[in-house]
């Protein structure tokens, strides 16, 4: 099923979200990186899915920079998952993957600024709206690793994966405003590729989503999620 020239990720096919979109106006999904919502230190390539840090020079010149996706996570989908392949970690592996609300400052890694969340590759820490305080979460990640991020809107949690392995819940109170997939860097030669569903995922999100959606159906949680399903 295609919406706006984007292939719907397989884990969302035949869900209430999919069935609603077939009959009504489409609720849009994140599909690419947004060149108009991007710090100057980052370059998004023409495909909208690969990005690199473009600052060269002395280490003191490097500042953290981030970009958001083109659309927010749709609450109506129940859950949303995306992955990032680390093509090159760069000189120091300073890469962050997470979420942020619109208008959050992009001069910082996800999780450093208010109303943002992030998991960072150089130290394995998670950050929640505060760059001065990180929390133990997962392993470091580097070149050739694939990191996934999943938000479950039925219970407002977020977890990450590494190379197809579930790392456990990172954030257990994802709620409030619109959240956009957000990606940050702070080192030369860093280069990533984002997968919103245009390619197969490393993590088996289909089986995970199937269990979540079946449970939501039994508990009649789709109607609680959105008035569209009442």
C-alpha atoms as a PDB file:
ATOM      1  CA  UNK A   1       0.000   0.000   0.000  1.00  0.00           C
ATOM      2  CA  UNK A   2       1.445   3.365  -1.019  1.00  0.00           C
ATOM      3  CA  UNK A   3       0.691   6.742   0.500  1.00  0.00           C
ATOM      4  CA  UNK A   4       2.217   9.840  -1.121  1.00  0.00           C
ATOM      5  CA  UNK A   5       4.726   7.713  -3.058  1.00  0.00           C
ATOM      6  CA  UNK A   6       5.937   6.027   0.129  1.00  0.00           C
ATOM      7  CA  UNK A   7       5.575   2.323   0.739  1.00  0.00           C
ATOM      8  CA  UNK A   8       3.875   1.642   4.064  1.00  0.00           C
ATOM      9  CA  UNK A   9       6.172  -0.322   6.408  1.00  0.00           C
ATOM     10  CA  UNK A  10       5.094  -3.959   6.516  1.00  0.00           C
ATOM     11  CA  UNK A  11       4.360  -3.958  10.255  1.00  0.00           C
ATOM     12  CA  UNK A  12       1.591  -1.370   9.710  1.00  0.00           C
ATOM     13  CA  UNK A  13      -0.173  -3.160   6.839  1.00  0.00           C
ATOM     14  CA  UNK A  14      -3.829  -4.039   7.601  1.00  0.00           C
ATOM     15  CA  UNK A  15      -3.767  -2.276  10.966  1.00  0.00           C
ATOM     16  CA  UNK A  16      -6.526   0.206  11.889  1.00  0.00           C
ATOM     17  CA  UNK A  17      -4.115   2.947  10.811  1.00  0.00           C
ATOM     18  CA  UNK A  18      -3.747   1.375   7.361  1.00  0.00           C
ATOM     19  CA  UNK A  19      -7.470   0.703   6.958  1.00  0.00           C
ATOM     20  CA  UNK A  20      -8.318   4.282   7.952  1.00  0.00           C
ATOM     21  CA  UNK A  21      -5.825   5.662   5.435  1.00  0.00           C
ATOM     22  CA  UNK A  22      -7.332   3.611   2.630  1.00  0.00           C
ATOM     23  CA  UNK A  23     -10.717   5.246   3.187  1.00  0.00           C
ATOM     24  CA  UNK A  24      -9.786   8.719   4.388  1.00  0.00           C
ATOM     25  CA  UNK A  25      -7.086  11.316   3.922  1.00  0.00           C
ATOM     26  CA  UNK A  26      -3.680   9.823   4.684  1.00  0.00           C
ATOM     27  CA  UNK A  27      -2.052  10.401   8.062  1.00  0.00           C
ATOM     28  CA  UNK A  28       1.528  10.986   6.979  1.00  0.00           C
ATOM     29  CA  UNK A  29       4.573   9.094   8.219  1.00  0.00           C
ATOM     30  CA  UNK A  30       8.215  10.153   8.498  1.00  0.00           C
ATOM     31  CA  UNK A  31       9.846   9.317   5.170  1.00  0.00           C
ATOM     32  CA  UNK A  32      13.128  11.239   4.993  1.00  0.00           C
ATOM     33  CA  UNK A  33      15.367  13.812   6.646  1.00  0.00           C
ATOM     34  CA  UNK A  34      14.141  17.388   6.429  1.00  0.00           C
ATOM     35  CA  UNK A  35      16.636  19.753   4.779  1.00  0.00           C
ATOM     36  CA  UNK A  36      14.570  22.670   6.075  1.00  0.00           C
ATOM     37  CA  UNK A  37      14.820  21.480   9.679  1.00  0.00           C
ATOM     38  CA  UNK A  38      18.538  20.816   9.820  1.00  0.00           C
ATOM     39  CA  UNK A  39      21.573  22.424  11.467  1.00  0.00           C
ATOM     40  CA  UNK A  40      24.090  24.029   9.103  1.00  0.00           C
ATOM     41  CA  UNK A  41      26.855  21.625  10.139  1.00  0.00           C
ATOM     42  CA  UNK A  42      25.031  18.676   8.574  1.00  0.00           C
ATOM     43  CA  UNK A  43      24.633  17.845   4.896  1.00  0.00           C
ATOM     44  CA  UNK A  44      21.677  15.744   3.764  1.00  0.00           C
ATOM     45  CA  UNK A  45      22.260  14.026   0.446  1.00  0.00           C
ATOM     46  CA  UNK A  46      19.775  14.106  -2.418  1.00  0.00           C
ATOM     47  CA  UNK A  47      18.085  10.826  -1.444  1.00  0.00           C
ATOM     48  CA  UNK A  48      16.982  12.413   1.841  1.00  0.00           C
ATOM     49  CA  UNK A  49      18.174   9.379   3.809  1.00  0.00           C
ATOM     50  CA  UNK A  50      21.941   9.754   4.132  1.00  0.00           C
ATOM     51  CA  UNK A  51      23.716  12.491   6.044  1.00  0.00           C
ATOM     52  CA  UNK A  52      27.214  13.539   7.070  1.00  0.00           C
ATOM     53  CA  UNK A  53      28.924  16.111   9.293  1.00  0.00           C
ATOM     54  CA  UNK A  54      30.418  18.796   7.067  1.00  0.00           C
ATOM     55  CA  UNK A  55      32.691  20.796   9.395  1.00  0.00           C
ATOM     56  CA  UNK A  56      36.443  20.345   9.020  1.00  0.00           C
ATOM     57  CA  UNK A  57      39.301  21.805  11.009  1.00  0.00           C
ATOM     58  CA  UNK A  58      40.439  22.012  14.608  1.00  0.00           C
ATOM     59  CA  UNK A  59      38.600  19.922  17.204  1.00  0.00           C
ATOM     60  CA  UNK A  60      37.442  23.065  19.034  1.00  0.00           C
ATOM     61  CA  UNK A  61      35.386  24.018  15.968  1.00  0.00           C
ATOM     62  CA  UNK A  62      33.145  20.976  16.202  1.00  0.00           C
ATOM     63  CA  UNK A  63      29.699  21.612  17.615  1.00  0.00           C
ATOM     64  CA  UNK A  64      26.798  19.241  18.057  1.00  0.00           C
ATOM     65  CA  UNK A  65      24.233  19.469  15.282  1.00  0.00           C
ATOM     66  CA  UNK A  66      20.944  17.700  14.614  1.00  0.00           C
ATOM     67  CA  UNK A  67      18.215  17.202  12.037  1.00  0.00           C
ATOM     68  CA  UNK A  68      14.577  16.140  12.271  1.00  0.00           C
ATOM     69  CA  UNK A  69      12.564  13.961   9.907  1.00  0.00           C
ATOM     70  CA  UNK A  70       9.954  15.449   7.588  1.00  0.00           C
ATOM     71  CA  UNK A  71       6.903  14.368   9.625  1.00  0.00           C
ATOM     72  CA  UNK A  72       6.232  13.541  13.284  1.00  0.00           C
ATOM     73  CA  UNK A  73       5.509  10.068  14.572  1.00  0.00           C
ATOM     74  CA  UNK A  74       1.799   9.372  13.997  1.00  0.00           C
ATOM     75  CA  UNK A  75       0.126   8.482  17.291  1.00  0.00           C
ATOM     76  CA  UNK A  76      -2.670   6.889  15.251  1.00  0.00           C
ATOM     77  CA  UNK A  77      -0.266   4.182  14.034  1.00  0.00           C
ATOM     78  CA  UNK A  78       0.004   2.711  17.533  1.00  0.00           C
ATOM     79  CA  UNK A  79       3.746   2.348  17.234  1.00  0.00           C
ATOM     80  CA  UNK A  80       6.478   3.513  14.909  1.00  0.00           C
ATOM     81  CA  UNK A  81       9.942   2.100  14.265  1.00  0.00           C
ATOM     82  CA  UNK A  82      12.970   3.321  12.325  1.00  0.00           C
ATOM     83  CA  UNK A  83      16.611   2.285  12.029  1.00  0.00           C
ATOM     84  CA  UNK A  84      19.930   4.013  11.457  1.00  0.00           C
ATOM     85  CA  UNK A  85      22.927   2.339   9.837  1.00  0.00           C
ATOM     86  CA  UNK A  86      26.237   3.824  10.978  1.00  0.00           C
ATOM     87  CA  UNK A  87      28.204   3.987   7.737  1.00  0.00           C
ATOM     88  CA  UNK A  88      31.076   5.755   9.507  1.00  0.00           C
ATOM     89  CA  UNK A  89      31.215   6.709  13.179  1.00  0.00           C
ATOM     90  CA  UNK A  90      33.603   9.575  12.422  1.00  0.00           C
ATOM     91  CA  UNK A  91      36.625  10.531  14.478  1.00  0.00           C
ATOM     92  CA  UNK A  92      35.087  10.135  17.931  1.00  0.00           C
ATOM     93  CA  UNK A  93      31.768   8.333  17.454  1.00  0.00           C
ATOM     94  CA  UNK A  94      29.718  11.285  18.664  1.00  0.00           C
ATOM     95  CA  UNK A  95      26.363  10.279  17.196  1.00  0.00           C
ATOM     96  CA  UNK A  96      22.927  10.535  18.816  1.00  0.00           C
ATOM     97  CA  UNK A  97      19.622   8.973  17.780  1.00  0.00           C
ATOM     98  CA  UNK A  98      16.289   9.924  19.268  1.00  0.00           C
ATOM     99  CA  UNK A  99      13.243  12.155  19.239  1.00  0.00           C
ATOM    100  CA  UNK A 100      12.405  15.820  19.643  1.00  0.00           C
ATOM    101  CA  UNK A 101       9.452  18.137  19.427  1.00  0.00           C
ATOM    102  CA  UNK A 102       9.311  20.793  16.687  1.00  0.00           C
ATOM    103  CA  UNK A 103      11.228  24.001  17.386  1.00  0.00           C
ATOM    104  CA  UNK A 104      13.649  22.269  19.765  1.00  0.00           C
ATOM    105  CA  UNK A 105      17.113  23.763  19.199  1.00  0.00           C
ATOM    106  CA  UNK A 106      19.088  21.754  16.642  1.00  0.00           C
ATOM    107  CA  UNK A 107      22.467  22.863  18.013  1.00  0.00           C
ATOM    108  CA  UNK A 108      22.755  19.856  20.276  1.00  0.00           C
ATOM    109  CA  UNK A 109      22.421  16.098  20.359  1.00  0.00           C
ATOM    110  CA  UNK A 110      18.941  14.594  20.799  1.00  0.00           C
ATOM    111  CA  UNK A 111      18.270  14.427  24.520  1.00  0.00           C
ATOM    112  CA  UNK A 112      20.359  17.473  25.391  1.00  0.00           C
ATOM    113  CA  UNK A 113      17.662  20.089  24.966  1.00  0.00           C
ATOM    114  CA  UNK A 114      14.251  20.384  26.580  1.00  0.00           C
ATOM    115  CA  UNK A 115      11.551  18.155  25.028  1.00  0.00           C
ATOM    116  CA  UNK A 116      13.999  15.748  23.425  1.00  0.00           C
ATOM    117  CA  UNK A 117      15.223  12.183  23.990  1.00  0.00           C
ATOM    118  CA  UNK A 118      18.367  10.440  22.793  1.00  0.00           C
ATOM    119  CA  UNK A 119      20.660   7.388  22.932  1.00  0.00           C
ATOM    120  CA  UNK A 120      24.308   8.200  22.196  1.00  0.00           C
ATOM    121  CA  UNK A 121      26.901   5.995  20.540  1.00  0.00           C
ATOM    122  CA  UNK A 122      30.073   7.306  22.176  1.00  0.00           C
ATOM    123  CA  UNK A 123      29.080   6.447  25.754  1.00  0.00           C
ATOM    124  CA  UNK A 124      25.916   4.298  25.552  1.00  0.00           C
ATOM    125  CA  UNK A 125      24.019   6.775  27.705  1.00  0.00           C
ATOM    126  CA  UNK A 126      20.440   7.948  27.293  1.00  0.00           C
ATOM    127  CA  UNK A 127      19.517  11.585  27.744  1.00  0.00           C
ATOM    128  CA  UNK A 128      16.176  13.187  28.573  1.00  0.00           C
ATOM    129  CA  UNK A 129      15.944  16.945  28.037  1.00  0.00           C
ATOM    130  CA  UNK A 130      19.281  17.565  29.771  1.00  0.00           C
ATOM    131  CA  UNK A 131      22.748  17.392  28.241  1.00  0.00           C
ATOM    132  CA  UNK A 132      24.421  17.541  31.643  1.00  0.00           C
ATOM    133  CA  UNK A 133      22.920  14.318  32.915  1.00  0.00           C
ATOM    134  CA  UNK A 134      23.041  11.018  31.071  1.00  0.00           C
ATOM    135  CA  UNK A 135      21.782   7.667  32.333  1.00  0.00           C
ATOM    136  CA  UNK A 136      23.191   4.186  31.780  1.00  0.00           C
ATOM    137  CA  UNK A 137      21.288   2.431  29.032  1.00  0.00           C
ATOM    138  CA  UNK A 138      22.962   0.361  26.330  1.00  0.00           C
ATOM    139  CA  UNK A 139      26.207  -0.556  24.595  1.00  0.00           C
ATOM    140  CA  UNK A 140      28.277   1.855  22.573  1.00  0.00           C
ATOM    141  CA  UNK A 141      27.655   1.787  18.832  1.00  0.00           C
ATOM    142  CA  UNK A 142      30.032   2.410  15.990  1.00  0.00           C
ATOM    143  CA  UNK A 143      30.752   1.921  12.279  1.00  0.00           C
ATOM    144  CA  UNK A 144      28.692  -0.885  10.690  1.00  0.00           C
ATOM    145  CA  UNK A 145      26.169  -1.051  13.547  1.00  0.00           C
ATOM    146  CA  UNK A 146      22.429  -0.644  13.010  1.00  0.00           C
ATOM    147  CA  UNK A 147      20.475   1.129  15.743  1.00  0.00           C
ATOM    148  CA  UNK A 148      16.680   1.025  15.845  1.00  0.00           C
ATOM    149  CA  UNK A 149      14.219   3.200  17.754  1.00  0.00           C
ATOM    150  CA  UNK A 150      10.607   2.255  18.488  1.00  0.00           C
ATOM    151  CA  UNK A 151       7.877   4.294  20.159  1.00  0.00           C
ATOM    152  CA  UNK A 152       4.833   2.462  21.507  1.00  0.00           C
ATOM    153  CA  UNK A 153       1.928   4.889  21.846  1.00  0.00           C
ATOM    154  CA  UNK A 154      -0.295   2.428  23.701  1.00  0.00           C
ATOM    155  CA  UNK A 155       1.915   2.698  26.793  1.00  0.00           C
ATOM    156  CA  UNK A 156       4.050   5.737  25.856  1.00  0.00           C
ATOM    157  CA  UNK A 157       7.375   3.909  25.971  1.00  0.00           C
ATOM    158  CA  UNK A 158      10.420   3.949  23.729  1.00  0.00           C
ATOM    159  CA  UNK A 159      13.062   1.268  23.235  1.00  0.00           C
ATOM    160  CA  UNK A 160      16.132   0.868  21.045  1.00  0.00           C
ATOM    161  CA  UNK A 161      17.692  -2.060  19.232  1.00  0.00           C
ATOM    162  CA  UNK A 162      21.263  -2.778  18.210  1.00  0.00           C
ATOM    163  CA  UNK A 163      21.911  -5.073  15.264  1.00  0.00           C
ATOM    164  CA  UNK A 164      18.485  -6.640  15.698  1.00  0.00           C
ATOM    165  CA  UNK A 165      18.684  -7.087  19.490  1.00  0.00           C
ATOM    166  CA  UNK A 166      16.100  -5.432  21.756  1.00  0.00           C
ATOM    167  CA  UNK A 167      17.948  -3.302  24.337  1.00  0.00           C
ATOM    168  CA  UNK A 168      15.024  -2.770  26.715  1.00  0.00           C
ATOM    169  CA  UNK A 169      12.892   0.256  27.482  1.00  0.00           C
ATOM    170  CA  UNK A 170      14.827   3.519  27.400  1.00  0.00           C
ATOM    171  CA  UNK A 171      12.032   5.987  28.144  1.00  0.00           C
ATOM    172  CA  UNK A 172       8.755   5.183  29.887  1.00  0.00           C
ATOM    173  CA  UNK A 173       6.904   8.482  29.654  1.00  0.00           C
ATOM    174  CA  UNK A 174       6.883   9.483  25.980  1.00  0.00           C
ATOM    175  CA  UNK A 175       3.931  11.841  25.821  1.00  0.00           C
ATOM    176  CA  UNK A 176       2.942  15.423  25.189  1.00  0.00           C
ATOM    177  CA  UNK A 177       3.630  17.191  21.918  1.00  0.00           C
ATOM    178  CA  UNK A 178       4.516  15.944  18.457  1.00  0.00           C
ATOM    179  CA  UNK A 179       7.721  13.922  18.299  1.00  0.00           C
ATOM    180  CA  UNK A 180      10.017  13.755  15.280  1.00  0.00           C
ATOM    181  CA  UNK A 181      12.784  11.224  14.646  1.00  0.00           C
ATOM    182  CA  UNK A 182      15.954  13.211  15.344  1.00  0.00           C
ATOM    183  CA  UNK A 183      19.592  12.503  14.513  1.00  0.00           C
ATOM    184  CA  UNK A 184      22.678  14.286  15.822  1.00  0.00           C
ATOM    185  CA  UNK A 185      26.445  14.355  15.208  1.00  0.00           C
ATOM    186  CA  UNK A 186      29.500  16.156  16.530  1.00  0.00           C
ATOM    187  CA  UNK A 187      32.471  14.846  14.589  1.00  0.00           C
ATOM    188  CA  UNK A 188      33.986  14.966  11.106  1.00  0.00           C
ATOM    189  CA  UNK A 189      33.584  11.998   8.773  1.00  0.00           C
ATOM    190  CA  UNK A 190      30.457  10.808  10.613  1.00  0.00           C
ATOM    191  CA  UNK A 191      28.016   9.400   8.070  1.00  0.00           C
ATOM    192  CA  UNK A 192      24.670   7.652   8.591  1.00  0.00           C
ATOM    193  CA  UNK A 193      21.820   6.162   6.570  1.00  0.00           C
ATOM    194  CA  UNK A 194      18.249   6.240   7.883  1.00  0.00           C
ATOM    195  CA  UNK A 195      15.647   3.565   7.165  1.00  0.00           C
ATOM    196  CA  UNK A 196      11.988   4.486   7.698  1.00  0.00           C
ATOM    197  CA  UNK A 197      10.749   1.291   6.065  1.00  0.00           C
ATOM    198  CA  UNK A 198      11.931   1.714   2.501  1.00  0.00           C
ATOM    199  CA  UNK A 199      14.291  -1.243   3.129  1.00  0.00           C
ATOM    200  CA  UNK A 200      13.934  -4.381   5.293  1.00  0.00           C
ATOM    201  CA  UNK A 201      14.694  -3.802   8.962  1.00  0.00           C
ATOM    202  CA  UNK A 202      17.381  -5.698  10.880  1.00  0.00           C
ATOM    203  CA  UNK A 203      15.131  -6.062  13.944  1.00  0.00           C
ATOM    204  CA  UNK A 204      12.030  -8.238  13.495  1.00  0.00           C
ATOM    205  CA  UNK A 205       9.581  -5.405  14.063  1.00  0.00           C
ATOM    206  CA  UNK A 206       6.830  -7.323  12.266  1.00  0.00           C
ATOM    207  CA  UNK A 207       6.590  -9.976  14.978  1.00  0.00           C
ATOM    208  CA  UNK A 208       6.931  -7.449  17.766  1.00  0.00           C
ATOM    209  CA  UNK A 209       4.219  -5.213  16.298  1.00  0.00           C
ATOM    210  CA  UNK A 210       1.935  -8.184  15.703  1.00  0.00           C
ATOM    211  CA  UNK A 211       1.968  -9.004  19.423  1.00  0.00           C
ATOM    212  CA  UNK A 212       1.428  -5.382  20.429  1.00  0.00           C
ATOM    213  CA  UNK A 213      -1.457  -4.878  18.008  1.00  0.00           C
ATOM    214  CA  UNK A 214      -3.166  -8.149  18.969  1.00  0.00           C
ATOM    215  CA  UNK A 215      -2.993  -7.177  22.628  1.00  0.00           C
ATOM    216  CA  UNK A 216      -4.331  -3.698  21.842  1.00  0.00           C
ATOM    217  CA  UNK A 217      -7.231  -5.245  19.946  1.00  0.00           C
ATOM    218  CA  UNK A 218      -8.143  -7.496  22.879  1.00  0.00           C
ATOM    219  CA  UNK A 219      -8.026  -4.595  25.316  1.00  0.00           C
ATOM    220  CA  UNK A 220      -9.842  -2.268  22.895  1.00  0.00           C
ATOM    221  CA  UNK A 221      -6.985   0.200  23.128  1.00  0.00           C
ATOM    222  CA  UNK A 222      -7.201   1.439  19.529  1.00  0.00           C
ATOM    223  CA  UNK A 223     -10.283   3.496  20.413  1.00  0.00           C
ATOM    224  CA  UNK A 224      -8.449   4.979  23.397  1.00  0.00           C
ATOM    225  CA  UNK A 225      -5.514   5.836  21.168  1.00  0.00           C
ATOM    226  CA  UNK A 226      -7.467   7.972  18.719  1.00  0.00           C
ATOM    227  CA  UNK A 227     -11.042   9.141  18.264  1.00  0.00           C
ATOM    228  CA  UNK A 228     -10.648   8.129  14.602  1.00  0.00           C
ATOM    229  CA  UNK A 229     -11.176   4.510  15.636  1.00  0.00           C
ATOM    230  CA  UNK A 230     -14.274   4.981  17.774  1.00  0.00           C
END
